[in-house]
Amino acid sequence: MLIKFKKSFEKIAMGLLSFMPEEKQVKKLQETINEYESNEDWQLYLWKEEEVLGTIGVCFEDDKVVVQHISVNPSYRNQGIGKKMVQAVKELYDERHVCGNEFTNEFFEACQEE
């Protein structure tokens, strides 16, 4: 289930985002989380089943929704969690074009393949 980020999930979200290569440094992670908290055009979601397993972050650009962060706890990778998150975002923003960016596009495109 996709749940909207809130401050109480900050450490979990930072931990998950740190698995992305461009988010390794603590200062960069803090800047990213701050942007999600303060910029209304950025939305961060967590994927929760029995526990939080992943995170997906989007930004709104004109008429599209760009997936700019996506990360799954390494213990739960290759189980379709990332694909479920992408699908949930597409359903949430079904009136807009959803796509990846330079960091997420390869994974995003792989999720489109059946």
PDB file of N, CA and C in Angstrom:
ATOM      1  N   MET A   1       0.839  -1.165   0.000  1.00  0.00           N
ATOM      2  CA  MET A   1       0.000   0.000   0.000  1.00  0.00           C
ATOM      3  C   MET A   1       0.896   1.244   0.000  1.00  0.00           C
ATOM      4  N   LEU A   2       0.554   2.202  -0.830  1.00  0.00           N
ATOM      5  CA  LEU A   2       1.278   3.464  -0.940  1.00  0.00           C
ATOM      6  C   LEU A   2       0.776   4.409   0.147  1.00  0.00           C
ATOM      7  N   ILE A   3       1.694   4.928   0.955  1.00  0.00           N
ATOM      8  CA  ILE A   3       1.320   5.907   1.972  1.00  0.00           C
ATOM      9  C   ILE A   3       2.176   7.158   1.801  1.00  0.00           C
ATOM     10  N   LYS A   4       1.565   8.303   2.020  1.00  0.00           N
ATOM     11  CA  LYS A   4       2.258   9.575   1.853  1.00  0.00           C
ATOM     12  C   LYS A   4       3.271   9.773   2.977  1.00  0.00           C
ATOM     13  N   PHE A   5       4.434  10.279   2.619  1.00  0.00           N
ATOM     14  CA  PHE A   5       5.497  10.556   3.579  1.00  0.00           C
ATOM     15  C   PHE A   5       5.037  11.564   4.622  1.00  0.00           C
ATOM     16  N   LYS A   6       5.446  11.326   5.854  1.00  0.00           N
ATOM     17  CA  LYS A   6       5.286  12.313   6.912  1.00  0.00           C
ATOM     18  C   LYS A   6       6.546  12.283   7.766  1.00  0.00           C
ATOM     19  N   LYS A   7       6.749  13.306   8.538  1.00  0.00           N
ATOM     20  CA  LYS A   7       7.985  13.506   9.298  1.00  0.00           C
ATOM     21  C   LYS A   7       8.356  12.282  10.139  1.00  0.00           C
ATOM     22  N   SER A   8       7.383  11.582  10.687  1.00  0.00           N
ATOM     23  CA  SER A   8       7.688  10.427  11.545  1.00  0.00           C
ATOM     24  C   SER A   8       8.352   9.285  10.773  1.00  0.00           C
ATOM     25  N   PHE A   9       8.282   9.315   9.443  1.00  0.00           N
ATOM     26  CA  PHE A   9       8.918   8.289   8.616  1.00  0.00           C
ATOM     27  C   PHE A   9      10.281   8.736   8.072  1.00  0.00           C
ATOM     28  N   GLU A  10      10.785   9.873   8.542  1.00  0.00           N
ATOM     29  CA  GLU A  10      11.988  10.462   7.959  1.00  0.00           C
ATOM     30  C   GLU A  10      13.190   9.512   7.968  1.00  0.00           C
ATOM     31  N   LYS A  11      13.481   8.876   9.086  1.00  0.00           N
ATOM     32  CA  LYS A  11      14.655   7.986   9.156  1.00  0.00           C
ATOM     33  C   LYS A  11      14.497   6.781   8.237  1.00  0.00           C
ATOM     34  N   ILE A  12      13.306   6.220   8.173  1.00  0.00           N
ATOM     35  CA  ILE A  12      13.057   5.084   7.287  1.00  0.00           C
ATOM     36  C   ILE A  12      13.241   5.511   5.836  1.00  0.00           C
ATOM     37  N   ALA A  13      12.662   6.660   5.482  1.00  0.00           N
ATOM     38  CA  ALA A  13      12.773   7.161   4.108  1.00  0.00           C
ATOM     39  C   ALA A  13      14.225   7.447   3.749  1.00  0.00           C
ATOM     40  N   MET A  14      14.961   8.064   4.659  1.00  0.00           N
ATOM     41  CA  MET A  14      16.371   8.353   4.389  1.00  0.00           C
ATOM     42  C   MET A  14      17.169   7.064   4.214  1.00  0.00           C
ATOM     43  N   GLY A  15      16.872   6.073   5.024  1.00  0.00           N
ATOM     44  CA  GLY A  15      17.555   4.786   4.896  1.00  0.00           C
ATOM     45  C   GLY A  15      17.301   4.147   3.544  1.00  0.00           C
ATOM     46  N   LEU A  16      16.060   4.175   3.104  1.00  0.00           N
ATOM     47  CA  LEU A  16      15.716   3.594   1.804  1.00  0.00           C
ATOM     48  C   LEU A  16      16.326   4.394   0.653  1.00  0.00           C
ATOM     49  N   LEU A  17      16.237   5.714   0.732  1.00  0.00           N
ATOM     50  CA  LEU A  17      16.809   6.548  -0.323  1.00  0.00           C
ATOM     51  C   LEU A  17      18.324   6.387  -0.416  1.00  0.00           C
ATOM     52  N   SER A  18      18.968   6.069   0.702  1.00  0.00           N
ATOM     53  CA  SER A  18      20.432   5.935   0.705  1.00  0.00           C
ATOM     54  C   SER A  18      20.906   4.770  -0.160  1.00  0.00           C
ATOM     55  N   PHE A  19      20.018   3.873  -0.547  1.00  0.00           N
ATOM     56  CA  PHE A  19      20.391   2.768  -1.442  1.00  0.00           C
ATOM     57  C   PHE A  19      20.532   3.234  -2.886  1.00  0.00           C
ATOM     58  N   MET A  20      20.056   4.460  -3.182  1.00  0.00           N
ATOM     59  CA  MET A  20      20.221   5.000  -4.532  1.00  0.00           C
ATOM     60  C   MET A  20      21.618   5.602  -4.639  1.00  0.00           C
ATOM     61  N   PRO A  21      22.354   5.295  -5.695  1.00  0.00           N
ATOM     62  CA  PRO A  21      23.748   5.765  -5.811  1.00  0.00           C
ATOM     63  C   PRO A  21      23.927   7.277  -5.651  1.00  0.00           C
ATOM     64  N   GLU A  22      23.016   8.070  -6.191  1.00  0.00           N
ATOM     65  CA  GLU A  22      23.182   9.519  -6.107  1.00  0.00           C
ATOM     66  C   GLU A  22      22.759  10.097  -4.761  1.00  0.00           C
ATOM     67  N   GLU A  23      22.286   9.262  -3.853  1.00  0.00           N
ATOM     68  CA  GLU A  23      21.811   9.718  -2.534  1.00  0.00           C
ATOM     69  C   GLU A  23      22.637   9.147  -1.384  1.00  0.00           C
ATOM     70  N   LYS A  24      23.862   8.738  -1.643  1.00  0.00           N
ATOM     71  CA  LYS A  24      24.688   8.072  -0.627  1.00  0.00           C
ATOM     72  C   LYS A  24      25.092   8.983   0.529  1.00  0.00           C
ATOM     73  N   GLN A  25      25.410  10.249   0.243  1.00  0.00           N
ATOM     74  CA  GLN A  25      25.926  11.141   1.278  1.00  0.00           C
ATOM     75  C   GLN A  25      24.798  11.698   2.144  1.00  0.00           C
ATOM     76  N   VAL A  26      25.057  11.777   3.460  1.00  0.00           N
ATOM     77  CA  VAL A  26      24.042  12.229   4.408  1.00  0.00           C
ATOM     78  C   VAL A  26      23.552  13.637   4.074  1.00  0.00           C
ATOM     79  N   LYS A  27      24.455  14.534   3.717  1.00  0.00           N
ATOM     80  CA  LYS A  27      24.052  15.905   3.387  1.00  0.00           C
ATOM     81  C   LYS A  27      23.087  15.918   2.208  1.00  0.00           C
ATOM     82  N   LYS A  28      23.372  15.131   1.187  1.00  0.00           N
ATOM     83  CA  LYS A  28      22.498  15.037   0.015  1.00  0.00           C
ATOM     84  C   LYS A  28      21.139  14.462   0.405  1.00  0.00           C
ATOM     85  N   LEU A  29      21.144  13.421   1.237  1.00  0.00           N
ATOM     86  CA  LEU A  29      19.884  12.827   1.714  1.00  0.00           C
ATOM     87  C   LEU A  29      19.038  13.846   2.466  1.00  0.00           C
ATOM     88  N   GLN A  30      19.684  14.616   3.340  1.00  0.00           N
ATOM     89  CA  GLN A  30      18.959  15.626   4.111  1.00  0.00           C
ATOM     90  C   GLN A  30      18.362  16.688   3.186  1.00  0.00           C
ATOM     91  N   GLU A  31      19.121  17.097   2.155  1.00  0.00           N
ATOM     92  CA  GLU A  31      18.609  18.065   1.194  1.00  0.00           C
ATOM     93  C   GLU A  31      17.407  17.504   0.438  1.00  0.00           C
ATOM     94  N   THR A  32      17.489  16.231   0.057  1.00  0.00           N
ATOM     95  CA  THR A  32      16.398  15.586  -0.676  1.00  0.00           C
ATOM     96  C   THR A  32      15.138  15.507   0.188  1.00  0.00           C
ATOM     97  N   ILE A  33      15.286  15.045   1.426  1.00  0.00           N
ATOM     98  CA  ILE A  33      14.136  14.950   2.329  1.00  0.00           C
ATOM     99  C   ILE A  33      13.544  16.336   2.570  1.00  0.00           C
ATOM    100  N   ASN A  34      14.388  17.327   2.764  1.00  0.00           N
ATOM    101  CA  ASN A  34      13.911  18.696   2.968  1.00  0.00           C
ATOM    102  C   ASN A  34      13.107  19.180   1.759  1.00  0.00           C
ATOM    103  N   GLU A  35      13.577  18.839   0.569  1.00  0.00           N
ATOM    104  CA  GLU A  35      12.856  19.241  -0.644  1.00  0.00           C
ATOM    105  C   GLU A  35      11.471  18.587  -0.688  1.00  0.00           C
ATOM    106  N   TYR A  36      11.388  17.304  -0.314  1.00  0.00           N
ATOM    107  CA  TYR A  36      10.085  16.631  -0.282  1.00  0.00           C
ATOM    108  C   TYR A  36       9.157  17.258   0.761  1.00  0.00           C
ATOM    109  N   GLU A  37       9.722  17.732   1.860  1.00  0.00           N
ATOM    110  CA  GLU A  37       8.905  18.337   2.917  1.00  0.00           C
ATOM    111  C   GLU A  37       8.444  19.749   2.563  1.00  0.00           C
ATOM    112  N   SER A  38       9.250  20.493   1.801  1.00  0.00           N
ATOM    113  CA  SER A  38       8.962  21.906   1.588  1.00  0.00           C
ATOM    114  C   SER A  38       8.442  22.271   0.195  1.00  0.00           C
ATOM    115  N   ASN A  39       8.655  21.423  -0.786  1.00  0.00           N
ATOM    116  CA  ASN A  39       8.265  21.741  -2.161  1.00  0.00           C
ATOM    117  C   ASN A  39       6.961  21.023  -2.501  1.00  0.00           C
ATOM    118  N   GLU A  40       5.921  21.778  -2.763  1.00  0.00           N
ATOM    119  CA  GLU A  40       4.617  21.157  -3.049  1.00  0.00           C
ATOM    120  C   GLU A  40       4.607  20.392  -4.374  1.00  0.00           C
ATOM    121  N   ASP A  41       5.600  20.614  -5.227  1.00  0.00           N
ATOM    122  CA  ASP A  41       5.694  19.876  -6.488  1.00  0.00           C
ATOM    123  C   ASP A  41       6.457  18.559  -6.349  1.00  0.00           C
ATOM    124  N   TRP A  42       6.931  18.253  -5.156  1.00  0.00           N
ATOM    125  CA  TRP A  42       7.618  16.984  -4.884  1.00  0.00           C
ATOM    126  C   TRP A  42       6.779  16.198  -3.878  1.00  0.00           C
ATOM    127  N   GLN A  43       6.543  14.913  -4.174  1.00  0.00           N
ATOM    128  CA  GLN A  43       5.799  14.044  -3.249  1.00  0.00           C
ATOM    129  C   GLN A  43       6.575  12.747  -3.037  1.00  0.00           C
ATOM    130  N   LEU A  44       6.710  12.352  -1.805  1.00  0.00           N
ATOM    131  CA  LEU A  44       7.392  11.108  -1.454  1.00  0.00           C
ATOM    132  C   LEU A  44       6.370  10.163  -0.839  1.00  0.00           C
ATOM    133  N   TYR A  45       6.430   8.913  -1.272  1.00  0.00           N
ATOM    134  CA  TYR A  45       5.529   7.886  -0.760  1.00  0.00           C
ATOM    135  C   TYR A  45       6.349   6.707  -0.267  1.00  0.00           C
ATOM    136  N   LEU A  46       5.804   6.005   0.706  1.00  0.00           N
ATOM    137  CA  LEU A  46       6.413   4.777   1.207  1.00  0.00           C
ATOM    138  C   LEU A  46       5.506   3.623   0.825  1.00  0.00           C
ATOM    139  N   TRP A  47       6.108   2.468   0.591  1.00  0.00           N
ATOM    140  CA  TRP A  47       5.342   1.267   0.288  1.00  0.00           C
ATOM    141  C   TRP A  47       5.332   0.409   1.541  1.00  0.00           C
ATOM    142  N   LYS A  48       4.128   0.173   2.061  1.00  0.00           N
ATOM    143  CA  LYS A  48       3.999  -0.579   3.299  1.00  0.00           C
ATOM    144  C   LYS A  48       3.142  -1.812   3.078  1.00  0.00           C
ATOM    145  N   GLU A  49       3.679  -2.928   3.475  1.00  0.00           N
ATOM    146  CA  GLU A  49       2.887  -4.158   3.538  1.00  0.00           C
ATOM    147  C   GLU A  49       2.740  -4.417   5.037  1.00  0.00           C
ATOM    148  N   GLU A  50       3.470  -5.360   5.603  1.00  0.00           N
ATOM    149  CA  GLU A  50       3.444  -5.475   7.060  1.00  0.00           C
ATOM    150  C   GLU A  50       4.415  -4.481   7.678  1.00  0.00           C
ATOM    151  N   GLU A  51       5.419  -4.086   6.904  1.00  0.00           N
ATOM    152  CA  GLU A  51       6.361  -3.045   7.308  1.00  0.00           C
ATOM    153  C   GLU A  51       6.686  -2.221   6.070  1.00  0.00           C
ATOM    154  N   VAL A  52       7.402  -1.130   6.249  1.00  0.00           N
ATOM    155  CA  VAL A  52       7.784  -0.297   5.118  1.00  0.00           C
ATOM    156  C   VAL A  52       8.897  -0.996   4.347  1.00  0.00           C
ATOM    157  N   LEU A  53       8.658  -1.242   3.049  1.00  0.00           N
ATOM    158  CA  LEU A  53       9.601  -2.006   2.231  1.00  0.00           C
ATOM    159  C   LEU A  53      10.279  -1.162   1.163  1.00  0.00           C
ATOM    160  N   GLY A  54       9.704  -0.005   0.829  1.00  0.00           N
ATOM    161  CA  GLY A  54      10.280   0.797  -0.245  1.00  0.00           C
ATOM    162  C   GLY A  54       9.782   2.218  -0.209  1.00  0.00           C
ATOM    163  N   THR A  55      10.361   3.007  -1.098  1.00  0.00           N
ATOM    164  CA  THR A  55       9.952   4.406  -1.227  1.00  0.00           C
ATOM    165  C   THR A  55       9.999   4.809  -2.695  1.00  0.00           C
ATOM    166  N   ILE A  56       9.113   5.717  -3.046  1.00  0.00           N
ATOM    167  CA  ILE A  56       9.075   6.245  -4.404  1.00  0.00           C
ATOM    168  C   ILE A  56       8.759   7.737  -4.312  1.00  0.00           C
ATOM    169  N   GLY A  57       9.555   8.526  -5.011  1.00  0.00           N
ATOM    170  CA  GLY A  57       9.377   9.971  -4.989  1.00  0.00           C
ATOM    171  C   GLY A  57       9.106  10.503  -6.378  1.00  0.00           C
ATOM    172  N   VAL A  58       8.183  11.432  -6.474  1.00  0.00           N
ATOM    173  CA  VAL A  58       7.812  11.999  -7.762  1.00  0.00           C
ATOM    174  C   VAL A  58       7.879  13.524  -7.689  1.00  0.00           C
ATOM    175  N   CYS A  59       8.011  14.128  -8.857  1.00  0.00           N
ATOM    176  CA  CYS A  59       7.861  15.580  -8.958  1.00  0.00           C
ATOM    177  C   CYS A  59       6.930  15.866 -10.122  1.00  0.00           C
ATOM    178  N   PHE A  60       6.233  16.985 -10.005  1.00  0.00           N
ATOM    179  CA  PHE A  60       5.267  17.372 -11.019  1.00  0.00           C
ATOM    180  C   PHE A  60       5.908  18.391 -11.950  1.00  0.00           C
ATOM    181  N   GLU A  61       5.910  18.074 -13.228  1.00  0.00           N
ATOM    182  CA  GLU A  61       6.456  18.965 -14.254  1.00  0.00           C
ATOM    183  C   GLU A  61       5.403  19.117 -15.340  1.00  0.00           C
ATOM    184  N   ASP A  62       4.832  20.302 -15.432  1.00  0.00           N
ATOM    185  CA  ASP A  62       3.787  20.588 -16.412  1.00  0.00           C
ATOM    186  C   ASP A  62       2.666  19.559 -16.294  1.00  0.00           C
ATOM    187  N   ASP A  63       2.447  18.762 -17.346  1.00  0.00           N
ATOM    188  CA  ASP A  63       1.351  17.788 -17.330  1.00  0.00           C
ATOM    189  C   ASP A  63       1.832  16.375 -17.020  1.00  0.00           C
ATOM    190  N   LYS A  64       3.063  16.238 -16.543  1.00  0.00           N
ATOM    191  CA  LYS A  64       3.567  14.893 -16.261  1.00  0.00           C
ATOM    192  C   LYS A  64       4.038  14.744 -14.826  1.00  0.00           C
ATOM    193  N   VAL A  65       4.136  13.494 -14.409  1.00  0.00           N
ATOM    194  CA  VAL A  65       4.625  13.123 -13.091  1.00  0.00           C
ATOM    195  C   VAL A  65       5.905  12.333 -13.332  1.00  0.00           C
ATOM    196  N   VAL A  66       7.012  12.828 -12.807  1.00  0.00           N
ATOM    197  CA  VAL A  66       8.315  12.199 -13.030  1.00  0.00           C
ATOM    198  C   VAL A  66       8.745  11.437 -11.782  1.00  0.00           C
ATOM    199  N   VAL A  67       8.967  10.136 -11.939  1.00  0.00           N
ATOM    200  CA  VAL A  67       9.491   9.318 -10.847  1.00  0.00           C
ATOM    201  C   VAL A  67      10.981   9.624 -10.757  1.00  0.00           C
ATOM    202  N   GLN A  68      11.373  10.275  -9.660  1.00  0.00           N
ATOM    203  CA  GLN A  68      12.762  10.678  -9.527  1.00  0.00           C
ATOM    204  C   GLN A  68      13.531   9.862  -8.502  1.00  0.00           C
ATOM    205  N   HIS A  69      12.853   9.169  -7.624  1.00  0.00           N
ATOM    206  CA  HIS A  69      13.496   8.278  -6.669  1.00  0.00           C
ATOM    207  C   HIS A  69      12.656   7.009  -6.558  1.00  0.00           C
ATOM    208  N   ILE A  70      13.327   5.890  -6.510  1.00  0.00           N
ATOM    209  CA  ILE A  70      12.646   4.624  -6.232  1.00  0.00           C
ATOM    210  C   ILE A  70      13.658   3.685  -5.602  1.00  0.00           C
ATOM    211  N   SER A  71      13.277   3.112  -4.475  1.00  0.00           N
ATOM    212  CA  SER A  71      14.202   2.250  -3.755  1.00  0.00           C
ATOM    213  C   SER A  71      13.426   1.215  -2.954  1.00  0.00           C
ATOM    214  N   VAL A  72      13.965   0.010  -2.921  1.00  0.00           N
ATOM    215  CA  VAL A  72      13.358  -1.091  -2.167  1.00  0.00           C
ATOM    216  C   VAL A  72      14.414  -1.635  -1.209  1.00  0.00           C
ATOM    217  N   ASN A  73      13.985  -1.960  -0.021  1.00  0.00           N
ATOM    218  CA  ASN A  73      14.871  -2.592   0.958  1.00  0.00           C
ATOM    219  C   ASN A  73      15.539  -3.795   0.290  1.00  0.00           C
ATOM    220  N   PRO A  74      16.870  -3.893   0.342  1.00  0.00           N
ATOM    221  CA  PRO A  74      17.569  -5.002  -0.340  1.00  0.00           C
ATOM    222  C   PRO A  74      17.049  -6.394   0.025  1.00  0.00           C
ATOM    223  N   SER A  75      16.550  -6.573   1.221  1.00  0.00           N
ATOM    224  CA  SER A  75      16.025  -7.879   1.639  1.00  0.00           C
ATOM    225  C   SER A  75      14.758  -8.265   0.887  1.00  0.00           C
ATOM    226  N   TYR A  76      14.119  -7.303   0.236  1.00  0.00           N
ATOM    227  CA  TYR A  76      12.845  -7.550  -0.443  1.00  0.00           C
ATOM    228  C   TYR A  76      12.919  -7.301  -1.949  1.00  0.00           C
ATOM    229  N   ARG A  77      14.118  -7.173  -2.472  1.00  0.00           N
ATOM    230  CA  ARG A  77      14.257  -6.932  -3.906  1.00  0.00           C
ATOM    231  C   ARG A  77      13.930  -8.182  -4.706  1.00  0.00           C
ATOM    232  N   ASN A  78      13.612  -7.975  -5.971  1.00  0.00           N
ATOM    233  CA  ASN A  78      13.257  -9.044  -6.903  1.00  0.00           C
ATOM    234  C   ASN A  78      11.978  -9.767  -6.503  1.00  0.00           C
ATOM    235  N   GLN A  79      11.098  -9.073  -5.796  1.00  0.00           N
ATOM    236  CA  GLN A  79       9.802  -9.632  -5.410  1.00  0.00           C
ATOM    237  C   GLN A  79       8.646  -8.808  -5.985  1.00  0.00           C
ATOM    238  N   GLY A  80       8.968  -7.869  -6.868  1.00  0.00           N
ATOM    239  CA  GLY A  80       7.934  -7.082  -7.514  1.00  0.00           C
ATOM    240  C   GLY A  80       7.480  -5.853  -6.751  1.00  0.00           C
ATOM    241  N   ILE A  81       8.169  -5.496  -5.657  1.00  0.00           N
ATOM    242  CA  ILE A  81       7.768  -4.332  -4.853  1.00  0.00           C
ATOM    243  C   ILE A  81       7.896  -3.042  -5.680  1.00  0.00           C
ATOM    244  N   GLY A  82       9.034  -2.876  -6.362  1.00  0.00           N
ATOM    245  CA  GLY A  82       9.239  -1.679  -7.181  1.00  0.00           C
ATOM    246  C   GLY A  82       8.173  -1.541  -8.245  1.00  0.00           C
ATOM    247  N   LYS A  83       7.852  -2.639  -8.886  1.00  0.00           N
ATOM    248  CA  LYS A  83       6.818  -2.630  -9.921  1.00  0.00           C
ATOM    249  C   LYS A  83       5.461  -2.243  -9.320  1.00  0.00           C
ATOM    250  N   LYS A  84       5.164  -2.752  -8.132  1.00  0.00           N
ATOM    251  CA  LYS A  84       3.909  -2.392  -7.461  1.00  0.00           C
ATOM    252  C   LYS A  84       3.864  -0.903  -7.149  1.00  0.00           C
ATOM    253  N   MET A  85       5.010  -0.344  -6.724  1.00  0.00           N
ATOM    254  CA  MET A  85       5.051   1.082  -6.415  1.00  0.00           C
ATOM    255  C   MET A  85       4.820   1.917  -7.672  1.00  0.00           C
ATOM    256  N   VAL A  86       5.467   1.549  -8.767  1.00  0.00           N
ATOM    257  CA  VAL A  86       5.289   2.271 -10.031  1.00  0.00           C
ATOM    258  C   VAL A  86       3.821   2.191 -10.462  1.00  0.00           C
ATOM    259  N   GLN A  87       3.228   1.028 -10.380  1.00  0.00           N
ATOM    260  CA  GLN A  87       1.828   0.855 -10.775  1.00  0.00           C
ATOM    261  C   GLN A  87       0.901   1.692  -9.891  1.00  0.00           C
ATOM    262  N   ALA A  88       1.183   1.723  -8.588  1.00  0.00           N
ATOM    263  CA  ALA A  88       0.352   2.501  -7.669  1.00  0.00           C
ATOM    264  C   ALA A  88       0.432   3.995  -7.979  1.00  0.00           C
ATOM    265  N   VAL A  89       1.631   4.475  -8.322  1.00  0.00           N
ATOM    266  CA  VAL A  89       1.783   5.891  -8.688  1.00  0.00           C
ATOM    267  C   VAL A  89       1.032   6.174  -9.984  1.00  0.00           C
ATOM    268  N   LYS A  90       1.125   5.268 -10.949  1.00  0.00           N
ATOM    269  CA  LYS A  90       0.403   5.460 -12.212  1.00  0.00           C
ATOM    270  C   LYS A  90      -1.105   5.512 -11.970  1.00  0.00           C
ATOM    271  N   GLU A  91      -1.608   4.686 -11.065  1.00  0.00           N
ATOM    272  CA  GLU A  91      -3.036   4.701 -10.741  1.00  0.00           C
ATOM    273  C   GLU A  91      -3.416   5.978  -9.989  1.00  0.00           C
ATOM    274  N   LEU A  92      -2.549   6.422  -9.086  1.00  0.00           N
ATOM    275  CA  LEU A  92      -2.807   7.624  -8.301  1.00  0.00           C
ATOM    276  C   LEU A  92      -2.884   8.862  -9.190  1.00  0.00           C
ATOM    277  N   TYR A  93      -2.039   8.902 -10.199  1.00  0.00           N
ATOM    278  CA  TYR A  93      -1.984  10.047 -11.106  1.00  0.00           C
ATOM    279  C   TYR A  93      -2.416   9.641 -12.510  1.00  0.00           C
ATOM    280  N   ASP A  94      -3.514   8.910 -12.607  1.00  0.00           N
ATOM    281  CA  ASP A  94      -3.944   8.342 -13.885  1.00  0.00           C
ATOM    282  C   ASP A  94      -4.314   9.385 -14.928  1.00  0.00           C
ATOM    283  N   GLU A  95      -4.563  10.624 -14.503  1.00  0.00           N
ATOM    284  CA  GLU A  95      -4.908  11.670 -15.465  1.00  0.00           C
ATOM    285  C   GLU A  95      -3.664  12.334 -16.053  1.00  0.00           C
ATOM    286  N   ARG A  96      -2.487  11.959 -15.587  1.00  0.00           N
ATOM    287  CA  ARG A  96      -1.241  12.566 -16.057  1.00  0.00           C
ATOM    288  C   ARG A  96      -0.303  11.498 -16.598  1.00  0.00           C
ATOM    289  N   HIS A  97       0.627  11.933 -17.427  1.00  0.00           N
ATOM    290  CA  HIS A  97       1.658  11.038 -17.968  1.00  0.00           C
ATOM    291  C   HIS A  97       2.707  10.816 -16.874  1.00  0.00           C
ATOM    292  N   VAL A  98       2.976   9.559 -16.540  1.00  0.00           N
ATOM    293  CA  VAL A  98       3.978   9.203 -15.532  1.00  0.00           C
ATOM    294  C   VAL A  98       5.187   8.636 -16.258  1.00  0.00           C
ATOM    295  N   CYS A  99       6.379   9.121 -15.893  1.00  0.00           N
ATOM    296  CA  CYS A  99       7.606   8.670 -16.547  1.00  0.00           C
ATOM    297  C   CYS A  99       8.758   8.690 -15.551  1.00  0.00           C
ATOM    298  N   GLY A 100       9.890   8.138 -15.959  1.00  0.00           N
ATOM    299  CA  GLY A 100      11.095   8.157 -15.139  1.00  0.00           C
ATOM    300  C   GLY A 100      11.987   9.316 -15.526  1.00  0.00           C
ATOM    301  N   ASN A 101      13.058   9.513 -14.751  1.00  0.00           N
ATOM    302  CA  ASN A 101      14.066  10.515 -15.098  1.00  0.00           C
ATOM    303  C   ASN A 101      15.374   9.790 -15.450  1.00  0.00           C
ATOM    304  N   GLU A 102      16.464  10.521 -15.537  1.00  0.00           N
ATOM    305  CA  GLU A 102      17.730   9.902 -15.946  1.00  0.00           C
ATOM    306  C   GLU A 102      18.198   8.811 -14.986  1.00  0.00           C
ATOM    307  N   PHE A 103      17.799   8.883 -13.715  1.00  0.00           N
ATOM    308  CA  PHE A 103      18.222   7.893 -12.727  1.00  0.00           C
ATOM    309  C   PHE A 103      17.247   6.718 -12.619  1.00  0.00           C
ATOM    310  N   THR A 104      15.981   6.962 -12.916  1.00  0.00           N
ATOM    311  CA  THR A 104      14.960   5.930 -12.690  1.00  0.00           C
ATOM    312  C   THR A 104      14.362   5.360 -13.967  1.00  0.00           C
ATOM    313  N   ASN A 105      14.662   5.971 -15.108  1.00  0.00           N
ATOM    314  CA  ASN A 105      13.979   5.573 -16.337  1.00  0.00           C
ATOM    315  C   ASN A 105      14.204   4.111 -16.716  1.00  0.00           C
ATOM    316  N   GLU A 106      15.416   3.614 -16.567  1.00  0.00           N
ATOM    317  CA  GLU A 106      15.681   2.222 -16.942  1.00  0.00           C
ATOM    318  C   GLU A 106      14.805   1.268 -16.125  1.00  0.00           C
ATOM    319  N   PHE A 107      14.736   1.504 -14.804  1.00  0.00           N
ATOM    320  CA  PHE A 107      13.888   0.665 -13.964  1.00  0.00           C
ATOM    321  C   PHE A 107      12.419   0.881 -14.309  1.00  0.00           C
ATOM    322  N   PHE A 108      12.022   2.147 -14.485  1.00  0.00           N
ATOM    323  CA  PHE A 108      10.642   2.471 -14.817  1.00  0.00           C
ATOM    324  C   PHE A 108      10.208   1.746 -16.085  1.00  0.00           C
ATOM    325  N   GLU A 109      11.044   1.793 -17.123  1.00  0.00           N
ATOM    326  CA  GLU A 109      10.725   1.113 -18.382  1.00  0.00           C
ATOM    327  C   GLU A 109      10.626  -0.393 -18.201  1.00  0.00           C
ATOM    328  N   ALA A 110      11.503  -0.972 -17.381  1.00  0.00           N
ATOM    329  CA  ALA A 110      11.451  -2.420 -17.126  1.00  0.00           C
ATOM    330  C   ALA A 110      10.132  -2.809 -16.452  1.00  0.00           C
ATOM    331  N   CYS A 111       9.585  -1.906 -15.651  1.00  0.00           N
ATOM    332  CA  CYS A 111       8.312  -2.181 -14.983  1.00  0.00           C
ATOM    333  C   CYS A 111       7.151  -2.203 -15.971  1.00  0.00           C
ATOM    334  N   GLN A 112       7.306  -1.575 -17.109  1.00  0.00           N
ATOM    335  CA  GLN A 112       6.243  -1.513 -18.108  1.00  0.00           C
ATOM    336  C   GLN A 112       6.144  -2.811 -18.907  1.00  0.00           C
ATOM    337  N   GLU A 113       7.233  -3.577 -18.910  1.00  0.00           N
ATOM    338  CA  GLU A 113       7.256  -4.819 -19.676  1.00  0.00           C
ATOM    339  C   GLU A 113       6.525  -5.914 -18.913  1.00  0.00           C
ATOM    340  N   GLU A 114       5.775  -6.666 -19.613  1.00  0.00           N
ATOM    341  CA  GLU A 114       5.021  -7.766 -18.967  1.00  0.00           C
ATOM    342  C   GLU A 114       5.736  -9.076 -19.116  1.00  0.00           C
TER     343      GLU A 114
END
